[in-house]
């Protein structure tokens, strides 16, 4: 079998593993989807449990025009939306919405602070946003509730 460059795929050093790799090849995608959903859920859960007005206050300090609406959207997307991504339910919708939210966070909050995440920079939010965008393009995939119900957005 040829890859996109026209060359042959590399041969396995241990050909006996071919069956194992074949049997688990569908698992990589749900693993990524579940992990990224869980990570974003933890971010949302932290916001959800913040003192009253804390997230809204941060949004206002950062310069968002409607800080309450942005805070509510971030909390909703990073809890309910993240759970839906992890389960593969309405995956394209929530992954796209989270990618947009992360894009806004990238531009407004993290870009001015530079690349390094340690200084509040954009490397982590950029990674999360790209993964969410890829999930939005791919959908729920195998082992998702979207697949189980036979419908996706």
C-alpha atoms as a PDB file:
ATOM      1  CA  UNK A   1       0.000   0.000   0.000  1.00  0.00           C
ATOM      2  CA  UNK A   2       1.347   3.451  -0.907  1.00  0.00           C
ATOM      3  CA  UNK A   3       1.160   6.618   1.147  1.00  0.00           C
ATOM      4  CA  UNK A   4       0.413  10.086  -0.265  1.00  0.00           C
ATOM      5  CA  UNK A   5       4.015  10.547  -1.369  1.00  0.00           C
ATOM      6  CA  UNK A   6       3.844   7.429  -3.528  1.00  0.00           C
ATOM      7  CA  UNK A   7       6.227   5.412  -1.343  1.00  0.00           C
ATOM      8  CA  UNK A   8       5.552   2.189   0.474  1.00  0.00           C
ATOM      9  CA  UNK A   9       4.573   2.166   4.123  1.00  0.00           C
ATOM     10  CA  UNK A  10       7.344   1.112   6.501  1.00  0.00           C
ATOM     11  CA  UNK A  11       7.553  -2.574   7.355  1.00  0.00           C
ATOM     12  CA  UNK A  12       7.005  -3.693  10.926  1.00  0.00           C
ATOM     13  CA  UNK A  13      10.118  -4.785  12.787  1.00  0.00           C
ATOM     14  CA  UNK A  14       7.953  -7.391  14.504  1.00  0.00           C
ATOM     15  CA  UNK A  15       5.403  -8.571  11.903  1.00  0.00           C
ATOM     16  CA  UNK A  16       3.650 -10.620  14.567  1.00  0.00           C
ATOM     17  CA  UNK A  17       2.271  -7.345  15.970  1.00  0.00           C
ATOM     18  CA  UNK A  18       0.315  -6.602  12.789  1.00  0.00           C
ATOM     19  CA  UNK A  19      -2.813  -8.334  14.067  1.00  0.00           C
ATOM     20  CA  UNK A  20      -2.686  -6.462  17.362  1.00  0.00           C
ATOM     21  CA  UNK A  21      -2.226  -3.103  15.639  1.00  0.00           C
ATOM     22  CA  UNK A  22      -5.089  -3.889  13.279  1.00  0.00           C
ATOM     23  CA  UNK A  23      -7.397  -4.866  16.148  1.00  0.00           C
ATOM     24  CA  UNK A  24      -6.787  -1.627  18.093  1.00  0.00           C
ATOM     25  CA  UNK A  25      -6.446   0.795  15.173  1.00  0.00           C
ATOM     26  CA  UNK A  26      -9.946   2.239  15.722  1.00  0.00           C
ATOM     27  CA  UNK A  27      -9.212   3.088  19.360  1.00  0.00           C
ATOM     28  CA  UNK A  28      -6.888   6.065  18.858  1.00  0.00           C
ATOM     29  CA  UNK A  29      -9.648   8.472  17.903  1.00  0.00           C
ATOM     30  CA  UNK A  30     -12.042   7.857  20.794  1.00  0.00           C
ATOM     31  CA  UNK A  31      -9.040   7.981  23.159  1.00  0.00           C
ATOM     32  CA  UNK A  32      -8.144  11.460  21.882  1.00  0.00           C
ATOM     33  CA  UNK A  33     -11.777  12.596  21.940  1.00  0.00           C
ATOM     34  CA  UNK A  34     -12.348  11.334  25.498  1.00  0.00           C
ATOM     35  CA  UNK A  35      -9.058  12.726  26.826  1.00  0.00           C
ATOM     36  CA  UNK A  36      -9.510  16.205  25.350  1.00  0.00           C
ATOM     37  CA  UNK A  37     -13.124  16.268  26.545  1.00  0.00           C
ATOM     38  CA  UNK A  38     -12.011  15.348  30.077  1.00  0.00           C
ATOM     39  CA  UNK A  39      -9.262  17.984  30.066  1.00  0.00           C
ATOM     40  CA  UNK A  40     -11.637  20.729  28.946  1.00  0.00           C
ATOM     41  CA  UNK A  41     -14.260  19.547  31.420  1.00  0.00           C
ATOM     42  CA  UNK A  42     -11.787  20.087  34.249  1.00  0.00           C
ATOM     43  CA  UNK A  43     -11.200  23.654  33.011  1.00  0.00           C
ATOM     44  CA  UNK A  44     -14.948  24.250  32.941  1.00  0.00           C
ATOM     45  CA  UNK A  45     -15.477  22.622  36.329  1.00  0.00           C
ATOM     46  CA  UNK A  46     -12.908  25.007  37.830  1.00  0.00           C
ATOM     47  CA  UNK A  47     -14.807  27.948  36.339  1.00  0.00           C
ATOM     48  CA  UNK A  48     -18.146  26.497  37.491  1.00  0.00           C
ATOM     49  CA  UNK A  49     -16.870  26.259  41.070  1.00  0.00           C
ATOM     50  CA  UNK A  50     -15.244  29.694  41.065  1.00  0.00           C
ATOM     51  CA  UNK A  51     -16.606  32.280  43.509  1.00  0.00           C
ATOM     52  CA  UNK A  52     -19.720  34.074  42.252  1.00  0.00           C
ATOM     53  CA  UNK A  53     -18.728  36.670  39.713  1.00  0.00           C
ATOM     54  CA  UNK A  54     -15.134  35.445  39.536  1.00  0.00           C
ATOM     55  CA  UNK A  55     -15.227  34.285  35.932  1.00  0.00           C
ATOM     56  CA  UNK A  56     -17.340  37.258  34.881  1.00  0.00           C
ATOM     57  CA  UNK A  57     -14.933  39.597  36.653  1.00  0.00           C
ATOM     58  CA  UNK A  58     -11.976  38.014  34.874  1.00  0.00           C
ATOM     59  CA  UNK A  59     -13.758  38.343  31.526  1.00  0.00           C
ATOM     60  CA  UNK A  60     -14.472  42.024  32.258  1.00  0.00           C
ATOM     61  CA  UNK A  61     -10.853  42.654  33.293  1.00  0.00           C
ATOM     62  CA  UNK A  62      -9.669  40.987  30.082  1.00  0.00           C
ATOM     63  CA  UNK A  63     -11.798  43.353  28.023  1.00  0.00           C
ATOM     64  CA  UNK A  64     -14.763  41.269  26.890  1.00  0.00           C
ATOM     65  CA  UNK A  65     -17.721  43.519  26.001  1.00  0.00           C
ATOM     66  CA  UNK A  66     -20.347  41.201  27.534  1.00  0.00           C
ATOM     67  CA  UNK A  67     -18.373  39.468  30.287  1.00  0.00           C
ATOM     68  CA  UNK A  68     -21.384  37.704  31.819  1.00  0.00           C
ATOM     69  CA  UNK A  69     -22.401  36.172  28.505  1.00  0.00           C
ATOM     70  CA  UNK A  70     -18.846  35.107  27.709  1.00  0.00           C
ATOM     71  CA  UNK A  71     -18.432  33.613  31.190  1.00  0.00           C
ATOM     72  CA  UNK A  72     -21.683  31.661  30.900  1.00  0.00           C
ATOM     73  CA  UNK A  73     -20.757  30.423  27.418  1.00  0.00           C
ATOM     74  CA  UNK A  74     -17.288  29.331  28.562  1.00  0.00           C
ATOM     75  CA  UNK A  75     -18.680  27.479  31.579  1.00  0.00           C
ATOM     76  CA  UNK A  76     -21.406  25.792  29.513  1.00  0.00           C
ATOM     77  CA  UNK A  77     -19.098  24.789  26.666  1.00  0.00           C
ATOM     78  CA  UNK A  78     -16.294  23.597  28.929  1.00  0.00           C
ATOM     79  CA  UNK A  79     -18.652  21.450  31.039  1.00  0.00           C
ATOM     80  CA  UNK A  80     -21.655  20.300  29.011  1.00  0.00           C
ATOM     81  CA  UNK A  81     -19.878  20.667  25.663  1.00  0.00           C
ATOM     82  CA  UNK A  82     -16.765  18.881  26.889  1.00  0.00           C
ATOM     83  CA  UNK A  83     -18.839  15.979  28.243  1.00  0.00           C
ATOM     84  CA  UNK A  84     -20.624  15.738  24.888  1.00  0.00           C
ATOM     85  CA  UNK A  85     -17.297  15.671  23.020  1.00  0.00           C
ATOM     86  CA  UNK A  86     -15.996  12.949  25.337  1.00  0.00           C
ATOM     87  CA  UNK A  87     -19.155  10.883  24.811  1.00  0.00           C
ATOM     88  CA  UNK A  88     -19.269  11.646  21.106  1.00  0.00           C
ATOM     89  CA  UNK A  89     -22.720  13.260  21.313  1.00  0.00           C
ATOM     90  CA  UNK A  90     -23.426  16.229  19.014  1.00  0.00           C
ATOM     91  CA  UNK A  91     -19.684  16.061  18.547  1.00  0.00           C
ATOM     92  CA  UNK A  92     -19.254  18.308  15.521  1.00  0.00           C
ATOM     93  CA  UNK A  93     -21.358  21.103  17.041  1.00  0.00           C
ATOM     94  CA  UNK A  94     -19.673  21.151  20.446  1.00  0.00           C
ATOM     95  CA  UNK A  95     -16.160  20.633  19.069  1.00  0.00           C
ATOM     96  CA  UNK A  96     -16.666  23.525  16.634  1.00  0.00           C
ATOM     97  CA  UNK A  97     -18.091  25.746  19.392  1.00  0.00           C
ATOM     98  CA  UNK A  98     -15.156  24.877  21.669  1.00  0.00           C
ATOM     99  CA  UNK A  99     -12.682  25.534  18.842  1.00  0.00           C
ATOM    100  CA  UNK A 100     -14.228  28.990  18.395  1.00  0.00           C
ATOM    101  CA  UNK A 101     -14.116  29.654  22.150  1.00  0.00           C
ATOM    102  CA  UNK A 102     -10.478  28.556  22.256  1.00  0.00           C
ATOM    103  CA  UNK A 103      -9.737  30.755  19.244  1.00  0.00           C
ATOM    104  CA  UNK A 104     -11.168  33.750  21.073  1.00  0.00           C
ATOM    105  CA  UNK A 105      -9.150  32.874  24.200  1.00  0.00           C
ATOM    106  CA  UNK A 106      -6.061  32.487  21.999  1.00  0.00           C
ATOM    107  CA  UNK A 107      -6.466  35.901  20.430  1.00  0.00           C
ATOM    108  CA  UNK A 108      -7.775  37.972  23.334  1.00  0.00           C
ATOM    109  CA  UNK A 109      -6.083  36.441  26.378  1.00  0.00           C
ATOM    110  CA  UNK A 110      -3.031  34.376  25.429  1.00  0.00           C
ATOM    111  CA  UNK A 111      -1.514  35.824  22.247  1.00  0.00           C
ATOM    112  CA  UNK A 112      -0.318  39.045  23.917  1.00  0.00           C
ATOM    113  CA  UNK A 113       1.554  36.933  26.495  1.00  0.00           C
ATOM    114  CA  UNK A 114       3.721  35.122  23.929  1.00  0.00           C
ATOM    115  CA  UNK A 115       4.172  31.441  23.175  1.00  0.00           C
ATOM    116  CA  UNK A 116       5.160  29.768  26.459  1.00  0.00           C
ATOM    117  CA  UNK A 117       2.298  28.416  28.514  1.00  0.00           C
ATOM    118  CA  UNK A 118       4.271  29.066  31.713  1.00  0.00           C
ATOM    119  CA  UNK A 119       3.898  32.799  31.163  1.00  0.00           C
ATOM    120  CA  UNK A 120       0.232  32.532  30.232  1.00  0.00           C
ATOM    121  CA  UNK A 121       1.099  32.209  26.552  1.00  0.00           C
ATOM    122  CA  UNK A 122      -0.825  30.570  23.767  1.00  0.00           C
ATOM    123  CA  UNK A 123       0.859  27.192  23.165  1.00  0.00           C
ATOM    124  CA  UNK A 124      -1.638  25.142  25.209  1.00  0.00           C
ATOM    125  CA  UNK A 125      -4.794  26.914  24.046  1.00  0.00           C
ATOM    126  CA  UNK A 126      -3.553  26.696  20.450  1.00  0.00           C
ATOM    127  CA  UNK A 127      -3.058  22.935  20.812  1.00  0.00           C
ATOM    128  CA  UNK A 128      -6.505  22.460  22.376  1.00  0.00           C
ATOM    129  CA  UNK A 129      -8.127  24.587  19.680  1.00  0.00           C
ATOM    130  CA  UNK A 130      -6.494  22.658  16.847  1.00  0.00           C
ATOM    131  CA  UNK A 131      -7.541  19.332  18.369  1.00  0.00           C
ATOM    132  CA  UNK A 132     -11.115  20.601  18.783  1.00  0.00           C
ATOM    133  CA  UNK A 133     -11.135  21.845  15.190  1.00  0.00           C
ATOM    134  CA  UNK A 134      -9.926  18.425  13.990  1.00  0.00           C
ATOM    135  CA  UNK A 135     -12.636  16.702  16.036  1.00  0.00           C
ATOM    136  CA  UNK A 136     -15.239  19.069  14.558  1.00  0.00           C
ATOM    137  CA  UNK A 137     -14.095  18.026  11.081  1.00  0.00           C
ATOM    138  CA  UNK A 138     -14.059  14.296  11.928  1.00  0.00           C
ATOM    139  CA  UNK A 139     -17.221  14.039  14.030  1.00  0.00           C
ATOM    140  CA  UNK A 140     -17.898  11.424  16.680  1.00  0.00           C
ATOM    141  CA  UNK A 141     -16.208   8.569  14.873  1.00  0.00           C
ATOM    142  CA  UNK A 142     -16.291   4.985  16.068  1.00  0.00           C
ATOM    143  CA  UNK A 143     -17.432   4.313  19.615  1.00  0.00           C
ATOM    144  CA  UNK A 144     -19.500   7.486  19.877  1.00  0.00           C
ATOM    145  CA  UNK A 145     -23.107   8.176  20.783  1.00  0.00           C
ATOM    146  CA  UNK A 146     -23.460   9.938  17.427  1.00  0.00           C
ATOM    147  CA  UNK A 147     -22.632   6.609  15.768  1.00  0.00           C
ATOM    148  CA  UNK A 148     -24.971   4.734  18.104  1.00  0.00           C
ATOM    149  CA  UNK A 149     -27.962   6.962  17.313  1.00  0.00           C
ATOM    150  CA  UNK A 150     -27.021   7.119  13.638  1.00  0.00           C
ATOM    151  CA  UNK A 151     -27.168  10.914  13.388  1.00  0.00           C
ATOM    152  CA  UNK A 152     -24.754  13.807  13.707  1.00  0.00           C
ATOM    153  CA  UNK A 153     -24.907  17.528  13.122  1.00  0.00           C
END
